[in-house]
Amino acid sequence: FHNAPILCSASRRASNPGPGIAENQRGLTVDKNRMEAFSDGVIAVIITIIVLEMKVPHGPEFASLMPLLPVFLTYVLSFLYVGIYWNNHHHMLKLTASVNGGVLRANLHLLFWLSLLPFTTGWMGENHFQRWPTVLYGFNLLLCAMAYTVLQTCLIRHDGDDSLLAKAVSRDFKGKASLVLYASGIVTAWMLSAWVGMLFFVVVALMWLVPDRRIERIVSRHPG
């Protein structure tokens, strides 16, 4: 993640920081609540746009729903992914008191790749999991995961290596394993079979659906 230092860097001085902005030894900091609220709104819009890809059929029979099955399956998977990102984003911010300009940029970077999920989801669903739509979908998921890792890195750089978030994340085995599985799924969808490649993406989603108690344990020990 060679771009992480660029995204994480923040301005150190300002003649008049303005309301809601403070300055400490790590530079200018701002309240995290606005970033969290903005992110929640964007994620809600993303989920809404994804479901709009399922067009209402004209026929009254159940058979008229069958052509929508691929679109519905992609919606379910993308809904799970967006929900997982929202949940992890929320828990991650529970362990930080403030953010800086670098964190804000990293957060926008994550939201940018998440906002492309409705397009890649729709293209893959409409083309019934063909090779190139599936490859692009997997690439989108990979970039979302990388952007989330960059955001996590920026928060740790802002709060310090001894911060609660750094202790909760530790070696981040699941995050690193996810990147490997995404890359494997992309290569498999490209070289072997799109359906087999999709299995890698499903495995990652199921892996993150398993409750991760790392952050909950830290929060319970430091309720303040």
C-alpha atoms as a PDB file:
ATOM      1  CA  PHE A   1       0.000   0.000   0.000  1.00  0.00           C
ATOM      2  CA  HIS A   2       2.518   2.545  -1.213  1.00  0.00           C
ATOM      3  CA  ASN A   3      -0.151   5.265  -1.420  1.00  0.00           C
ATOM      4  CA  ALA A   4      -1.054   4.960   2.273  1.00  0.00           C
ATOM      5  CA  PRO A   5       1.542   7.524   3.480  1.00  0.00           C
ATOM      6  CA  ILE A   6       0.244  10.043   0.918  1.00  0.00           C
ATOM      7  CA  LEU A   7      -3.383   9.569   1.932  1.00  0.00           C
ATOM      8  CA  CYS A   8      -2.536   9.507   5.639  1.00  0.00           C
ATOM      9  CA  SER A   9      -0.440  12.667   5.621  1.00  0.00           C
ATOM     10  CA  ALA A  10      -2.154  15.678   7.120  1.00  0.00           C
ATOM     11  CA  SER A  11      -1.403  19.369   7.350  1.00  0.00           C
ATOM     12  CA  ARG A  12       0.483  20.193  10.498  1.00  0.00           C
ATOM     13  CA  ARG A  13      -0.266  23.877  10.875  1.00  0.00           C
ATOM     14  CA  ALA A  14      -3.124  26.227  10.257  1.00  0.00           C
ATOM     15  CA  SER A  15      -3.382  29.874  11.252  1.00  0.00           C
ATOM     16  CA  ASN A  16      -7.011  29.428  12.296  1.00  0.00           C
ATOM     17  CA  PRO A  17      -8.178  25.816  12.529  1.00  0.00           C
ATOM     18  CA  GLY A  18     -11.805  26.800  12.945  1.00  0.00           C
ATOM     19  CA  PRO A  19     -14.666  25.384  15.044  1.00  0.00           C
ATOM     20  CA  GLY A  20     -14.611  21.690  15.839  1.00  0.00           C
ATOM     21  CA  ILE A  21     -10.916  21.420  14.976  1.00  0.00           C
ATOM     22  CA  ALA A  22      -8.160  20.952  17.518  1.00  0.00           C
ATOM     23  CA  GLU A  23      -4.424  20.567  17.257  1.00  0.00           C
ATOM     24  CA  ASN A  24      -2.248  18.099  19.105  1.00  0.00           C
ATOM     25  CA  GLN A  25       1.201  16.611  18.725  1.00  0.00           C
ATOM     26  CA  ARG A  26       0.027  14.631  15.693  1.00  0.00           C
ATOM     27  CA  GLY A  27      -1.340  17.657  13.838  1.00  0.00           C
ATOM     28  CA  LEU A  28      -4.834  18.981  13.208  1.00  0.00           C
ATOM     29  CA  THR A  29      -7.680  16.766  14.366  1.00  0.00           C
ATOM     30  CA  VAL A  30     -11.423  16.995  13.774  1.00  0.00           C
ATOM     31  CA  ASP A  31     -14.444  15.355  15.347  1.00  0.00           C
ATOM     32  CA  LYS A  32     -15.091  11.909  13.875  1.00  0.00           C
ATOM     33  CA  ASN A  33     -18.895  12.226  14.055  1.00  0.00           C
ATOM     34  CA  ARG A  34     -19.286  14.167  10.811  1.00  0.00           C
ATOM     35  CA  MET A  35     -17.197  11.651   8.895  1.00  0.00           C
ATOM     36  CA  GLU A  36     -19.169   8.768  10.374  1.00  0.00           C
ATOM     37  CA  ALA A  37     -22.520  10.378   9.572  1.00  0.00           C
ATOM     38  CA  PHE A  38     -21.456  11.164   6.009  1.00  0.00           C
ATOM     39  CA  SER A  39     -20.219   7.604   5.512  1.00  0.00           C
ATOM     40  CA  ASP A  40     -23.466   6.151   6.858  1.00  0.00           C
ATOM     41  CA  GLY A  41     -25.443   8.242   4.377  1.00  0.00           C
ATOM     42  CA  VAL A  42     -23.303   7.233   1.408  1.00  0.00           C
ATOM     43  CA  ILE A  43     -23.487   3.549   2.321  1.00  0.00           C
ATOM     44  CA  ALA A  44     -27.282   3.757   2.644  1.00  0.00           C
ATOM     45  CA  VAL A  45     -27.492   5.287  -0.840  1.00  0.00           C
ATOM     46  CA  ILE A  46     -25.228   2.549  -2.237  1.00  0.00           C
ATOM     47  CA  ILE A  47     -27.529  -0.190  -0.919  1.00  0.00           C
ATOM     48  CA  THR A  48     -30.558   1.637  -2.327  1.00  0.00           C
ATOM     49  CA  ILE A  49     -28.999   1.909  -5.785  1.00  0.00           C
ATOM     50  CA  ILE A  50     -28.062  -1.786  -5.785  1.00  0.00           C
ATOM     51  CA  VAL A  51     -31.634  -2.908  -5.099  1.00  0.00           C
ATOM     52  CA  LEU A  52     -32.917  -0.650  -7.888  1.00  0.00           C
ATOM     53  CA  GLU A  53     -31.094  -2.914 -10.351  1.00  0.00           C
ATOM     54  CA  MET A  54     -33.858  -5.484  -9.774  1.00  0.00           C
ATOM     55  CA  LYS A  55     -36.545  -4.380 -12.194  1.00  0.00           C
ATOM     56  CA  VAL A  56     -40.126  -5.361 -11.410  1.00  0.00           C
ATOM     57  CA  PRO A  57     -41.311  -8.040 -13.879  1.00  0.00           C
ATOM     58  CA  HIS A  58     -44.414  -7.395 -15.966  1.00  0.00           C
ATOM     59  CA  GLY A  59     -45.871 -10.899 -15.678  1.00  0.00           C
ATOM     60  CA  PRO A  60     -47.970 -12.020 -12.666  1.00  0.00           C
ATOM     61  CA  GLU A  61     -46.599 -15.593 -12.682  1.00  0.00           C
ATOM     62  CA  PHE A  62     -43.701 -16.821 -10.558  1.00  0.00           C
ATOM     63  CA  ALA A  63     -41.989 -17.845 -13.788  1.00  0.00           C
ATOM     64  CA  SER A  64     -41.538 -14.169 -14.609  1.00  0.00           C
ATOM     65  CA  LEU A  65     -39.241 -13.893 -11.580  1.00  0.00           C
ATOM     66  CA  MET A  66     -36.760 -16.488 -12.836  1.00  0.00           C
ATOM     67  CA  PRO A  67     -34.853 -14.103 -15.150  1.00  0.00           C
ATOM     68  CA  LEU A  68     -34.221 -11.940 -12.080  1.00  0.00           C
ATOM     69  CA  LEU A  69     -32.504 -14.740 -10.150  1.00  0.00           C
ATOM     70  CA  PRO A  70     -28.907 -13.825 -11.172  1.00  0.00           C
ATOM     71  CA  VAL A  71     -29.571 -10.174 -10.360  1.00  0.00           C
ATOM     72  CA  PHE A  72     -31.066 -11.162  -7.005  1.00  0.00           C
ATOM     73  CA  LEU A  73     -28.058 -13.353  -6.139  1.00  0.00           C
ATOM     74  CA  THR A  74     -25.624 -10.554  -6.917  1.00  0.00           C
ATOM     75  CA  TYR A  75     -27.764  -8.180  -4.861  1.00  0.00           C
ATOM     76  CA  VAL A  76     -27.616 -10.515  -1.860  1.00  0.00           C
ATOM     77  CA  LEU A  77     -23.839 -10.836  -2.093  1.00  0.00           C
ATOM     78  CA  SER A  78     -23.263  -7.102  -2.543  1.00  0.00           C
ATOM     79  CA  PHE A  79     -25.718  -6.294   0.248  1.00  0.00           C
ATOM     80  CA  LEU A  80     -23.723  -8.561   2.544  1.00  0.00           C
ATOM     81  CA  TYR A  81     -20.476  -6.877   1.539  1.00  0.00           C
ATOM     82  CA  VAL A  82     -21.774  -3.340   2.010  1.00  0.00           C
ATOM     83  CA  GLY A  83     -23.304  -4.339   5.347  1.00  0.00           C
ATOM     84  CA  ILE A  84     -19.999  -5.877   6.455  1.00  0.00           C
ATOM     85  CA  TYR A  85     -18.118  -2.699   5.534  1.00  0.00           C
ATOM     86  CA  TRP A  86     -20.651  -0.557   7.383  1.00  0.00           C
ATOM     87  CA  ASN A  87     -20.417  -2.743  10.484  1.00  0.00           C
ATOM     88  CA  ASN A  88     -16.599  -2.865  10.487  1.00  0.00           C
ATOM     89  CA  HIS A  89     -16.387   0.876   9.757  1.00  0.00           C
ATOM     90  CA  HIS A  90     -18.663   1.591  12.712  1.00  0.00           C
ATOM     91  CA  HIS A  91     -16.678  -0.622  15.083  1.00  0.00           C
ATOM     92  CA  MET A  92     -13.359   0.795  13.900  1.00  0.00           C
ATOM     93  CA  LEU A  93     -14.452   4.348  14.642  1.00  0.00           C
ATOM     94  CA  LYS A  94     -15.613   3.302  18.108  1.00  0.00           C
ATOM     95  CA  LEU A  95     -11.932   3.010  19.020  1.00  0.00           C
ATOM     96  CA  THR A  96     -10.866   6.448  17.836  1.00  0.00           C
ATOM     97  CA  ALA A  97     -11.743   9.813  19.306  1.00  0.00           C
ATOM     98  CA  SER A  98     -10.804  12.050  16.385  1.00  0.00           C
ATOM     99  CA  VAL A  99      -9.622  12.033  12.777  1.00  0.00           C
ATOM    100  CA  ASN A 100      -7.376  14.233  10.666  1.00  0.00           C
ATOM    101  CA  GLY A 101      -7.241  15.294   7.038  1.00  0.00           C
ATOM    102  CA  GLY A 102      -5.403  12.150   6.001  1.00  0.00           C
ATOM    103  CA  VAL A 103      -8.087   9.958   7.541  1.00  0.00           C
ATOM    104  CA  LEU A 104     -10.795  11.981   5.796  1.00  0.00           C
ATOM    105  CA  ARG A 105      -9.093  11.436   2.432  1.00  0.00           C
ATOM    106  CA  ALA A 106      -8.662   7.719   3.114  1.00  0.00           C
ATOM    107  CA  ASN A 107     -12.339   7.498   4.043  1.00  0.00           C
ATOM    108  CA  LEU A 108     -13.355   9.154   0.769  1.00  0.00           C
ATOM    109  CA  HIS A 109     -11.053   6.737  -1.031  1.00  0.00           C
ATOM    110  CA  LEU A 110     -12.965   3.817   0.509  1.00  0.00           C
ATOM    111  CA  LEU A 111     -16.367   5.346  -0.275  1.00  0.00           C
ATOM    112  CA  PHE A 112     -15.329   5.873  -3.903  1.00  0.00           C
ATOM    113  CA  TRP A 113     -14.679   2.168  -4.489  1.00  0.00           C
ATOM    114  CA  LEU A 114     -17.783   1.169  -2.536  1.00  0.00           C
ATOM    115  CA  SER A 115     -19.865   3.515  -4.693  1.00  0.00           C
ATOM    116  CA  LEU A 116     -18.859   1.528  -7.781  1.00  0.00           C
ATOM    117  CA  LEU A 117     -20.397  -1.676  -6.420  1.00  0.00           C
ATOM    118  CA  PRO A 118     -23.881  -0.922  -7.839  1.00  0.00           C
ATOM    119  CA  PHE A 119     -22.397  -0.737 -11.341  1.00  0.00           C
ATOM    120  CA  THR A 120     -20.237  -3.866 -11.113  1.00  0.00           C
ATOM    121  CA  THR A 121     -23.042  -5.727  -9.339  1.00  0.00           C
ATOM    122  CA  GLY A 122     -25.556  -4.831 -12.035  1.00  0.00           C
ATOM    123  CA  TRP A 123     -23.231  -5.706 -14.906  1.00  0.00           C
ATOM    124  CA  MET A 124     -22.417  -9.107 -13.439  1.00  0.00           C
ATOM    125  CA  GLY A 125     -26.057  -9.901 -12.656  1.00  0.00           C
ATOM    126  CA  GLU A 126     -27.371  -8.827 -16.048  1.00  0.00           C
ATOM    127  CA  ASN A 127     -24.763 -10.976 -17.801  1.00  0.00           C
ATOM    128  CA  HIS A 128     -25.330 -14.044 -15.611  1.00  0.00           C
ATOM    129  CA  PHE A 129     -21.833 -14.244 -14.084  1.00  0.00           C
ATOM    130  CA  GLN A 130     -19.885 -14.190 -17.325  1.00  0.00           C
ATOM    131  CA  ARG A 131     -16.099 -13.955 -17.143  1.00  0.00           C
ATOM    132  CA  TRP A 132     -15.304 -10.274 -17.569  1.00  0.00           C
ATOM    133  CA  PRO A 133     -18.174  -8.906 -15.440  1.00  0.00           C
ATOM    134  CA  THR A 134     -17.151 -11.315 -12.675  1.00  0.00           C
ATOM    135  CA  VAL A 135     -13.490 -10.333 -12.976  1.00  0.00           C
ATOM    136  CA  LEU A 136     -14.410  -6.648 -12.733  1.00  0.00           C
ATOM    137  CA  TYR A 137     -16.658  -7.328  -9.737  1.00  0.00           C
ATOM    138  CA  GLY A 138     -13.826  -9.146  -7.982  1.00  0.00           C
ATOM    139  CA  PHE A 139     -11.416  -6.339  -8.821  1.00  0.00           C
ATOM    140  CA  ASN A 140     -13.882  -3.875  -7.307  1.00  0.00           C
ATOM    141  CA  LEU A 141     -14.050  -5.963  -4.130  1.00  0.00           C
ATOM    142  CA  LEU A 142     -10.256  -6.122  -3.994  1.00  0.00           C
ATOM    143  CA  LEU A 143      -9.940  -2.343  -4.293  1.00  0.00           C
ATOM    144  CA  CYS A 144     -12.566  -1.867  -1.559  1.00  0.00           C
ATOM    145  CA  ALA A 145     -10.579  -4.150   0.733  1.00  0.00           C
ATOM    146  CA  MET A 146      -7.330  -2.341  -0.026  1.00  0.00           C
ATOM    147  CA  ALA A 147      -8.973   1.022   0.603  1.00  0.00           C
ATOM    148  CA  TYR A 148     -10.337  -0.194   3.930  1.00  0.00           C
ATOM    149  CA  THR A 149      -6.855  -1.358   4.919  1.00  0.00           C
ATOM    150  CA  VAL A 150      -5.460   2.062   3.999  1.00  0.00           C
ATOM    151  CA  LEU A 151      -8.130   3.755   6.149  1.00  0.00           C
ATOM    152  CA  GLN A 152      -7.314   1.443   9.033  1.00  0.00           C
ATOM    153  CA  THR A 153      -3.618   2.215   8.611  1.00  0.00           C
ATOM    154  CA  CYS A 154      -4.293   5.962   8.586  1.00  0.00           C
ATOM    155  CA  LEU A 155      -6.303   5.741  11.807  1.00  0.00           C
ATOM    156  CA  ILE A 156      -3.526   3.796  13.513  1.00  0.00           C
ATOM    157  CA  ARG A 157      -0.914   6.295  12.272  1.00  0.00           C
ATOM    158  CA  HIS A 158      -3.086   9.115  13.636  1.00  0.00           C
ATOM    159  CA  ASP A 159      -3.733   7.517  17.040  1.00  0.00           C
ATOM    160  CA  GLY A 160      -0.361   5.811  17.431  1.00  0.00           C
ATOM    161  CA  ASP A 161       0.900   2.237  17.500  1.00  0.00           C
ATOM    162  CA  ASP A 162      -0.169   1.923  21.133  1.00  0.00           C
ATOM    163  CA  SER A 163      -3.766   2.926  20.389  1.00  0.00           C
ATOM    164  CA  LEU A 164      -6.793   0.767  21.140  1.00  0.00           C
ATOM    165  CA  LEU A 165      -7.396   0.195  17.426  1.00  0.00           C
ATOM    166  CA  ALA A 166      -3.840  -1.014  16.886  1.00  0.00           C
ATOM    167  CA  LYS A 167      -4.227  -3.462  19.767  1.00  0.00           C
ATOM    168  CA  ALA A 168      -7.599  -4.685  18.477  1.00  0.00           C
ATOM    169  CA  VAL A 169      -6.458  -5.205  14.890  1.00  0.00           C
ATOM    170  CA  SER A 170      -3.141  -6.779  15.874  1.00  0.00           C
ATOM    171  CA  ARG A 171      -1.787  -8.774  12.896  1.00  0.00           C
ATOM    172  CA  ASP A 172      -5.128  -8.559  11.020  1.00  0.00           C
ATOM    173  CA  PHE A 173      -5.060 -12.108   9.664  1.00  0.00           C
ATOM    174  CA  LYS A 174      -8.584 -11.881   8.236  1.00  0.00           C
ATOM    175  CA  GLY A 175      -7.797  -8.696   6.356  1.00  0.00           C
ATOM    176  CA  LYS A 176      -4.672 -10.129   4.761  1.00  0.00           C
ATOM    177  CA  ALA A 177      -6.369 -13.445   3.976  1.00  0.00           C
ATOM    178  CA  SER A 178      -9.215 -11.561   2.296  1.00  0.00           C
ATOM    179  CA  LEU A 179      -6.827  -9.834  -0.100  1.00  0.00           C
ATOM    180  CA  VAL A 180      -5.312 -13.177  -1.075  1.00  0.00           C
ATOM    181  CA  LEU A 181      -8.741 -14.745  -1.627  1.00  0.00           C
ATOM    182  CA  TYR A 182      -9.928 -11.803  -3.729  1.00  0.00           C
ATOM    183  CA  ALA A 183      -6.850 -12.031  -5.945  1.00  0.00           C
ATOM    184  CA  SER A 184      -7.288 -15.803  -6.224  1.00  0.00           C
ATOM    185  CA  GLY A 185     -10.935 -15.376  -7.184  1.00  0.00           C
ATOM    186  CA  ILE A 186     -10.089 -12.828  -9.870  1.00  0.00           C
ATOM    187  CA  VAL A 187      -7.436 -15.066 -11.412  1.00  0.00           C
ATOM    188  CA  THR A 188      -9.731 -18.105 -11.222  1.00  0.00           C
ATOM    189  CA  ALA A 189     -12.634 -16.255 -12.845  1.00  0.00           C
ATOM    190  CA  TRP A 190     -10.333 -15.064 -15.599  1.00  0.00           C
ATOM    191  CA  MET A 191      -8.396 -18.259 -16.276  1.00  0.00           C
ATOM    192  CA  LEU A 192     -10.755 -21.077 -15.247  1.00  0.00           C
ATOM    193  CA  SER A 193     -14.409 -20.372 -14.501  1.00  0.00           C
ATOM    194  CA  ALA A 194     -16.362 -17.331 -13.371  1.00  0.00           C
ATOM    195  CA  TRP A 195     -18.560 -19.482 -11.139  1.00  0.00           C
ATOM    196  CA  VAL A 196     -15.542 -20.993  -9.397  1.00  0.00           C
ATOM    197  CA  GLY A 197     -14.057 -17.530  -8.981  1.00  0.00           C
ATOM    198  CA  MET A 198     -17.301 -16.381  -7.359  1.00  0.00           C
ATOM    199  CA  LEU A 199     -16.839 -19.037  -4.696  1.00  0.00           C
ATOM    200  CA  PHE A 200     -13.770 -17.174  -3.450  1.00  0.00           C
ATOM    201  CA  PHE A 201     -15.816 -13.976  -3.081  1.00  0.00           C
ATOM    202  CA  VAL A 202     -18.574 -15.848  -1.236  1.00  0.00           C
ATOM    203  CA  VAL A 203     -16.018 -17.412   1.125  1.00  0.00           C
ATOM    204  CA  VAL A 204     -14.660 -13.972   2.045  1.00  0.00           C
ATOM    205  CA  ALA A 205     -18.165 -12.690   2.782  1.00  0.00           C
ATOM    206  CA  LEU A 206     -18.940 -15.714   4.962  1.00  0.00           C
ATOM    207  CA  MET A 207     -15.593 -15.307   6.716  1.00  0.00           C
ATOM    208  CA  TRP A 208     -16.470 -11.749   7.735  1.00  0.00           C
ATOM    209  CA  LEU A 209     -20.022 -12.721   8.730  1.00  0.00           C
ATOM    210  CA  VAL A 210     -18.506 -14.763  11.562  1.00  0.00           C
ATOM    211  CA  PRO A 211     -18.546 -12.391  14.551  1.00  0.00           C
ATOM    212  CA  ASP A 212     -15.157 -10.789  15.137  1.00  0.00           C
ATOM    213  CA  ARG A 213     -14.803 -10.153  18.851  1.00  0.00           C
ATOM    214  CA  ARG A 214     -11.481  -8.316  18.759  1.00  0.00           C
ATOM    215  CA  ILE A 215     -12.883  -4.793  18.831  1.00  0.00           C
ATOM    216  CA  GLU A 216     -15.785  -5.723  21.134  1.00  0.00           C
ATOM    217  CA  ARG A 217     -13.315  -7.016  23.711  1.00  0.00           C
ATOM    218  CA  ILE A 218     -11.287  -3.803  23.574  1.00  0.00           C
ATOM    219  CA  VAL A 219     -14.416  -1.623  23.837  1.00  0.00           C
ATOM    220  CA  SER A 220     -15.696  -3.596  26.819  1.00  0.00           C
ATOM    221  CA  ARG A 221     -12.378  -3.087  28.601  1.00  0.00           C
ATOM    222  CA  HIS A 222     -12.311   0.651  27.790  1.00  0.00           C
ATOM    223  CA  PRO A 223     -15.961   1.778  27.789  1.00  0.00           C
ATOM    224  CA  GLY A 224     -14.977   5.447  27.924  1.00  0.00           C
END
